[in-house]
C-alpha cells in the first residue's frame, strides 16, 4: 500500500543544500508540507520562501538537543505535527585519521551518527502520533570502505545498524524506519573533496559502477520519495548499490581488501599531501567548519509569509 505524502509534514535536516534541499523541493511538489532545518538560515529562508507559505524553516544544529527540540516545537506549532523525518544532516572530513586532529574525527561522528540519534529522540513522540516514518540517511560507505574516509564510513555504518535496531523498537508504535544508502552524489560535499584532491578524483575514475559513478541530487530525491511512499526498510541510490550491500561479506573480507591495499601505500600519502596543501580539515562549504562558514548569529525560525 502506498503511503501518500500529500498533506503530510516532512521534517528534513541538512536541508539548506544538496540532497536535503532537493528532497524538500520534490516533496513540496508532491503536495507535502515541509520543514527545512539546518545551519544556513539565509539559504533555508530562501528555500522555504520559494516553496510557499505552507512550509517553514528553522536554524538547527543536530548536535545540540535544545536546538533540535526548538526546531521540532516550531514545526509542530506552524504545521501541526510531523509525519516523516528525513535525518539527512551529514559532513565528511578531509584527511586520514593519522593526519587529522581527534576533534575533527569526533565531529564527523557527532554530526553523522549522534546527530541522527538526537534527531530521532527529538521527533519520535510527534511521529508516533501520526504512525509515521523515519528515513535515516546512511551511505554506500556503510558496507564499503576507502582510505581517507574512516570517520565517515564508521559513522554511516553506525547509522545503518542504529536504524536496524530502531525499526524493531518502534514497530509496535506503528512507526516505520528505513535507511538510505547512496553512492557518490553530485553535492557540494563531493565537489569540495574533488577540488582539493586530484587523487580522490583519479580513484573514482578507476572504480567500477556504482563505486565510481556520481548520481544527481534529482535522482537521489526521487529515490528518497519513492522509498518514503513505500515505507521501505532500505533505499538504494542508484539501485545498483543494493548489489554491493548484498556482497558485503566479500567486500569486508580479506579478498575485498586486496585491490584497495594494492593502491593504498601510494594513494594514501598522496591524499594526505593534497589535503595538507589545502589547509582545510573540511570542505569549503561545510558550515561552521570550512572557509565559507557563516559568521552571523543564528536567526530565529520563521514561517514564510504570504507575499
Protein backbone atom coordinates (compact mmCIF):
# COMPACT_ATOMS: atom_id res chain seq x y z
CA UNK A 1 0.00 0.00 0.00
CA UNK A 2 1.37 3.42 -0.97
CA UNK A 3 1.99 5.98 1.76
CA UNK A 4 0.69 9.19 0.17
CA UNK A 5 2.72 12.21 1.29
CA UNK A 6 0.16 14.77 0.09
CA UNK A 7 -0.67 16.90 3.12
CA UNK A 8 1.92 15.11 5.23
CA UNK A 9 4.56 17.09 7.15
CA UNK A 10 8.20 16.24 6.38
CA UNK A 11 10.92 17.37 8.80
CA UNK A 12 14.23 17.41 6.87
CA UNK A 13 17.60 18.10 8.48
CA UNK A 14 20.57 19.34 6.47
CA UNK A 15 18.06 20.90 4.09
CA UNK A 16 19.93 24.07 3.11
CA UNK A 17 21.62 22.45 0.12
CA UNK A 18 22.31 19.21 -1.70
CA UNK A 19 20.21 16.12 -1.06
CA UNK A 20 18.15 17.72 1.69
CA UNK A 21 17.24 20.74 -0.40
CA UNK A 22 16.30 18.66 -3.44
CA UNK A 23 14.22 16.23 -1.36
CA UNK A 24 12.34 19.19 0.11
CA UNK A 25 11.64 20.61 -3.34
CA UNK A 26 10.36 17.32 -4.71
CA UNK A 27 8.27 16.62 -1.61
CA UNK A 28 6.65 20.05 -1.81
CA UNK A 29 5.91 19.49 -5.49
CA UNK A 30 4.03 16.32 -4.50
CA UNK A 31 1.85 18.21 -2.05
CA UNK A 32 3.72 17.64 1.20
CA UNK A 33 4.29 20.39 3.73
CA UNK A 34 7.95 20.70 4.58
CA UNK A 35 10.03 21.97 7.50
CA UNK A 36 13.57 22.63 6.26
CA UNK A 37 16.12 22.84 9.05
CA UNK A 38 19.87 23.29 9.15
CA UNK A 39 22.72 25.70 9.85
CA UNK A 40 22.36 28.17 6.99
CA UNK A 41 19.42 30.46 7.81
CA UNK A 42 19.60 32.62 4.69
CA UNK A 43 19.50 29.60 2.38
CA UNK A 44 16.76 27.93 4.43
CA UNK A 45 14.60 31.06 4.48
CA UNK A 46 15.03 31.49 0.73
CA UNK A 47 14.16 27.84 0.09
CA UNK A 48 11.04 27.95 2.25
CA UNK A 49 10.01 31.16 0.51
CA UNK A 50 10.34 29.51 -2.88
CA UNK A 51 8.32 26.51 -1.71
CA UNK A 52 5.45 28.68 -0.46
CA UNK A 53 3.63 29.82 2.69
CA UNK A 54 2.53 26.33 3.72
CA UNK A 55 6.15 25.44 4.52
CA UNK A 56 8.51 26.54 7.27
CA UNK A 57 12.18 26.66 8.23
CA UNK A 58 14.34 26.73 11.34
CA UNK A 59 18.00 27.10 12.21
CA UNK A 60 19.03 23.84 13.84
CA UNK A 61 22.27 22.15 14.95
CA UNK A 62 21.66 18.39 15.13
CA UNK A 63 24.43 18.03 17.72
CA UNK A 64 22.58 20.39 20.10
CA UNK A 65 19.47 18.82 21.65
CA UNK A 66 18.00 22.16 22.72
CA UNK A 67 18.37 23.44 19.15
CA UNK A 68 16.65 20.34 17.76
CA UNK A 69 13.86 20.48 20.32
CA UNK A 70 13.21 24.12 19.43
CA UNK A 71 13.06 23.31 15.70
CA UNK A 72 10.62 20.47 16.37
CA UNK A 73 8.43 22.67 18.59
CA UNK A 74 8.41 25.36 15.91
CA UNK A 75 7.45 22.84 13.21
CA UNK A 76 4.59 21.44 15.29
CA UNK A 77 3.33 24.94 16.11
CA UNK A 78 3.43 26.03 12.46
CA UNK A 79 2.47 22.85 10.59
CA UNK A 80 0.51 20.91 13.20
CA UNK A 81 2.75 17.88 13.66
CA UNK A 82 5.35 15.68 11.98
CA UNK A 83 4.66 12.63 9.78
CA UNK A 84 8.05 11.89 8.24
CA UNK A 85 11.58 12.66 9.43
CA UNK A 86 14.47 12.65 6.96
CA UNK A 87 17.59 12.64 9.15
CA UNK A 88 19.92 13.86 6.43
CA UNK A 89 22.44 16.23 8.05
CA UNK A 90 25.97 14.98 7.48
CA UNK A 91 29.58 16.04 6.94
CA UNK A 92 32.87 14.49 5.83
CA UNK A 93 36.35 15.48 6.90
CA UNK A 94 39.27 15.81 4.51
CA UNK A 95 42.22 13.78 5.70
CA UNK A 96 43.24 10.49 7.24
CA UNK A 97 42.97 9.62 10.92
CA UNK A 98 46.75 9.90 11.38
CA UNK A 99 46.75 13.39 9.85
CA UNK A 100 43.58 14.74 11.50
CA UNK A 101 43.06 16.18 14.99
CA UNK A 102 40.94 13.93 17.20
CA UNK A 103 38.29 16.63 17.42
CA UNK A 104 37.83 16.55 13.64
CA UNK A 105 37.23 12.79 13.63
CA UNK A 106 34.88 13.13 16.59
CA UNK A 107 32.97 15.94 14.90
CA UNK A 108 32.18 13.74 11.89
CA UNK A 109 30.90 11.01 14.21
CA UNK A 110 28.94 13.54 16.25
CA UNK A 111 27.10 15.06 13.28
CA UNK A 112 26.57 11.93 11.19
CA UNK A 113 25.68 9.39 13.88
CA UNK A 114 24.90 11.16 17.14
CA UNK A 115 23.04 13.85 15.18
CA UNK A 116 20.78 11.20 13.67
CA UNK A 117 20.12 9.71 17.11
CA UNK A 118 19.34 13.13 18.57
CA UNK A 119 17.01 13.90 15.66
CA UNK A 120 15.07 10.70 16.31
CA UNK A 121 14.83 11.40 20.04
CA UNK A 122 13.56 14.92 19.37
CA UNK A 123 10.85 13.82 16.93
CA UNK A 124 9.74 10.31 17.93
CA UNK A 125 6.81 11.42 20.13
CA UNK A 126 5.36 13.51 17.30
CA UNK A 127 5.94 10.84 14.63
CA UNK A 128 4.19 8.26 16.84
CA UNK A 129 1.07 10.41 16.97
CA UNK A 130 0.76 10.02 13.20
CA UNK A 131 2.17 6.50 12.90
CA UNK A 132 4.76 7.97 10.59
CA UNK A 133 8.15 7.08 9.18
CA UNK A 134 11.84 7.78 9.77
CA UNK A 135 14.35 7.84 6.92
CA UNK A 136 17.87 7.77 8.33
CA UNK A 137 20.48 8.76 5.78
CA UNK A 138 23.36 6.31 5.80
CA UNK A 139 25.50 5.65 2.72
CA UNK A 140 27.16 3.16 0.45
CA UNK A 141 30.02 3.77 2.90
CA UNK A 142 28.18 1.60 5.44
CA UNK A 143 29.26 -1.51 3.54
CA UNK A 144 32.34 -0.41 1.62
CA UNK A 145 35.49 1.38 2.73
CA UNK A 146 38.11 3.64 1.17
CA UNK A 147 41.19 5.22 2.73
CA UNK A 148 40.65 8.80 3.82
CA UNK A 149 37.07 8.01 4.85
CA UNK A 150 37.46 6.18 8.16
CA UNK A 151 35.36 8.59 10.21
CA UNK A 152 32.69 8.88 7.52
CA UNK A 153 32.46 5.12 6.92
CA UNK A 154 32.32 4.41 10.64
CA UNK A 155 29.56 6.94 11.24
CA UNK A 156 27.44 5.75 8.32
CA UNK A 157 27.78 2.09 9.32
CA UNK A 158 26.61 3.17 12.76
CA UNK A 159 23.55 4.86 11.27
CA UNK A 160 22.62 1.68 9.43
CA UNK A 161 22.71 -0.56 12.48
CA UNK A 162 21.11 2.07 14.71
CA UNK A 163 18.27 2.08 12.18
CA UNK A 164 18.09 -1.71 12.21
CA UNK A 165 17.53 -1.82 15.97
CA UNK A 166 15.27 1.24 15.96
CA UNK A 167 12.99 -0.48 13.42
CA UNK A 168 12.30 -3.25 15.95
CA UNK A 169 11.82 -0.84 18.84
CA UNK A 170 9.26 1.33 17.03
CA UNK A 171 7.29 -1.34 15.15
CA UNK A 172 4.66 -1.75 17.88
CA UNK A 173 4.13 2.02 17.84
CA UNK A 174 3.17 1.92 14.16
CA UNK A 175 6.31 3.75 13.04
CA UNK A 176 8.34 2.64 10.02
CA UNK A 177 12.12 3.03 9.83
CA UNK A 178 14.26 2.99 6.72
CA UNK A 179 17.91 3.68 5.96
CA UNK A 180 19.13 5.34 2.76
CA UNK A 181 22.33 4.19 1.06
CA UNK A 182 23.65 6.36 -1.73
CA UNK A 183 26.75 6.17 -3.84
CA UNK A 184 28.51 9.40 -4.77
CA UNK A 185 26.01 12.23 -5.31
CA UNK A 186 26.81 15.49 -7.08
CA UNK A 187 26.66 17.70 -3.99
CA UNK A 188 28.85 20.49 -2.63
CA UNK A 189 30.42 17.99 -0.24
CA UNK A 190 31.66 15.77 -3.09
CA UNK A 191 32.70 18.76 -5.21
CA UNK A 192 34.73 20.14 -2.30
CA UNK A 193 36.71 16.91 -1.97
CA UNK A 194 37.30 16.71 -5.72
CA UNK A 195 38.52 20.32 -5.76
CA UNK A 196 41.08 19.65 -3.03
CA UNK A 197 42.30 16.22 -4.16
CA UNK A 198 43.11 15.09 -7.68
CA UNK A 199 43.94 11.68 -6.16
CA UNK A 200 40.33 11.31 -5.00
CA UNK A 201 39.05 12.06 -8.50
CA UNK A 202 41.59 9.69 -10.08
CA UNK A 203 40.49 6.94 -7.70
CA UNK A 204 36.83 7.42 -8.67
CA UNK A 205 37.69 7.04 -12.35
CA UNK A 206 39.34 3.68 -11.67
CA UNK A 207 36.43 2.23 -9.69
CA UNK A 208 33.63 0.26 -11.41
CA UNK A 209 30.00 1.46 -11.19
CA UNK A 210 28.38 2.26 -8.86
CA UNK A 211 31.55 2.79 -6.78
CA UNK A 212 32.96 5.25 -9.28
CA UNK A 213 29.71 6.76 -10.53
CA UNK A 214 28.24 10.10 -9.49
CA UNK A 215 24.45 10.44 -9.45
CA UNK A 216 22.45 13.68 -9.44
CA UNK A 217 20.63 15.14 -6.48
CA UNK A 218 17.44 14.89 -8.54
CA UNK A 219 17.89 11.12 -8.81
CA UNK A 220 18.57 10.93 -5.09
CA UNK A 221 15.48 12.96 -4.20
CA UNK A 222 13.30 10.74 -6.37
CA UNK A 223 14.77 7.65 -4.72
CA UNK A 224 14.08 9.03 -1.26
CA UNK A 225 10.46 9.90 -2.02
CA UNK A 226 9.80 6.56 -3.71
CA UNK A 227 11.18 4.85 -0.61
CA UNK A 228 9.09 7.00 1.73
CA UNK A 229 5.97 6.24 -0.33
CA UNK A 230 6.60 2.53 0.22
CA UNK A 231 7.91 2.94 3.79
CA UNK A 232 10.91 0.88 2.70
CA UNK A 233 13.46 -0.53 5.11
CA UNK A 234 16.29 0.11 2.61
CA UNK A 235 16.64 2.74 -0.12
CA UNK A 236 19.49 2.46 -2.63
CA UNK A 237 20.57 5.27 -4.97
CA UNK A 238 21.32 4.21 -7.61
CA UNK A 239 19.53 0.88 -7.23
CA UNK A 240 22.75 -0.98 -8.15
CA UNK A 241 24.10 -0.01 -4.72
CA UNK A 242 21.83 -2.78 -3.41
CA UNK A 243 24.06 -5.33 -5.10
CA UNK A 244 27.06 -4.08 -3.14
CA UNK A 245 25.04 -4.34 0.05
CA UNK A 246 24.40 -8.00 -0.74
CA UNK A 247 28.11 -8.52 -1.43
CA UNK A 248 29.36 -7.09 1.85
CA UNK A 249 30.62 -10.50 3.07
CA UNK A 250 33.09 -10.24 0.19
CA UNK A 251 33.83 -6.51 0.30
CA UNK A 252 34.63 -6.78 4.01
CA UNK A 253 36.74 -9.93 3.63
CA UNK A 254 40.48 -10.33 3.04
CA UNK A 255 39.61 -10.83 -0.62
CA UNK A 256 37.85 -7.48 -0.76
CA UNK A 257 40.82 -5.84 0.95
CA UNK A 258 43.30 -6.87 -1.75
CA UNK A 259 42.54 -4.31 -4.51
CA UNK A 260 42.42 -1.42 -2.00
CA UNK A 261 45.60 -2.48 -0.21
CA UNK A 262 47.35 -2.74 -3.57
CA UNK A 263 46.83 1.00 -4.07
CA UNK A 264 46.83 2.27 -0.50
CA UNK A 265 50.59 2.51 0.02
CA UNK A 266 50.93 5.05 -2.78
CA UNK A 267 47.43 6.56 -2.73
CA UNK A 268 47.25 7.45 0.97
CA UNK A 269 50.45 9.55 1.09
CA UNK A 270 49.22 11.48 -1.99
CA UNK A 271 45.84 12.09 -0.37
CA UNK A 272 47.49 13.29 2.81
CA UNK A 273 49.81 15.62 0.91
CA UNK A 274 46.96 17.16 -1.09
CA UNK A 275 44.74 17.71 1.92
CA UNK A 276 47.65 19.24 3.85
CA UNK A 277 48.20 21.61 0.93
CA UNK A 278 44.54 22.69 1.03
CA UNK A 279 44.92 23.81 4.64
CA UNK A 280 41.39 22.57 5.41
CA UNK A 281 40.04 19.78 7.59
CA UNK A 282 36.59 20.15 6.00
CA UNK A 283 35.40 21.33 2.60
CA UNK A 284 34.82 24.95 1.69
CA UNK A 285 31.06 24.70 2.07
CA UNK A 286 30.96 22.84 5.40
CA UNK A 287 29.09 25.34 7.56
CA UNK A 288 30.97 26.33 10.70
CA UNK A 289 34.00 24.25 9.69
CA UNK A 290 35.14 25.25 6.21
CA UNK A 291 36.47 28.52 4.82
CA UNK A 292 32.97 29.75 3.92
CA UNK A 293 31.42 29.28 7.35
CA UNK A 294 28.77 31.79 8.35
CA UNK A 295 29.76 34.31 10.99
CA UNK A 296 26.42 35.83 11.93
CA UNK A 297 24.37 34.82 14.94
CA UNK A 298 21.72 32.15 14.31
CA UNK A 299 18.39 33.54 13.21
CA UNK A 300 15.08 32.61 14.73
CA UNK A 301 12.93 30.07 12.89
CA UNK A 302 10.17 31.52 10.78
CA UNK A 303 7.02 30.77 8.81
CA UNK A 304 7.12 32.12 5.28
CA UNK A 305 4.67 34.96 4.99
CA UNK A 306 2.21 35.23 2.13
CA UNK A 307 3.80 37.61 -0.38
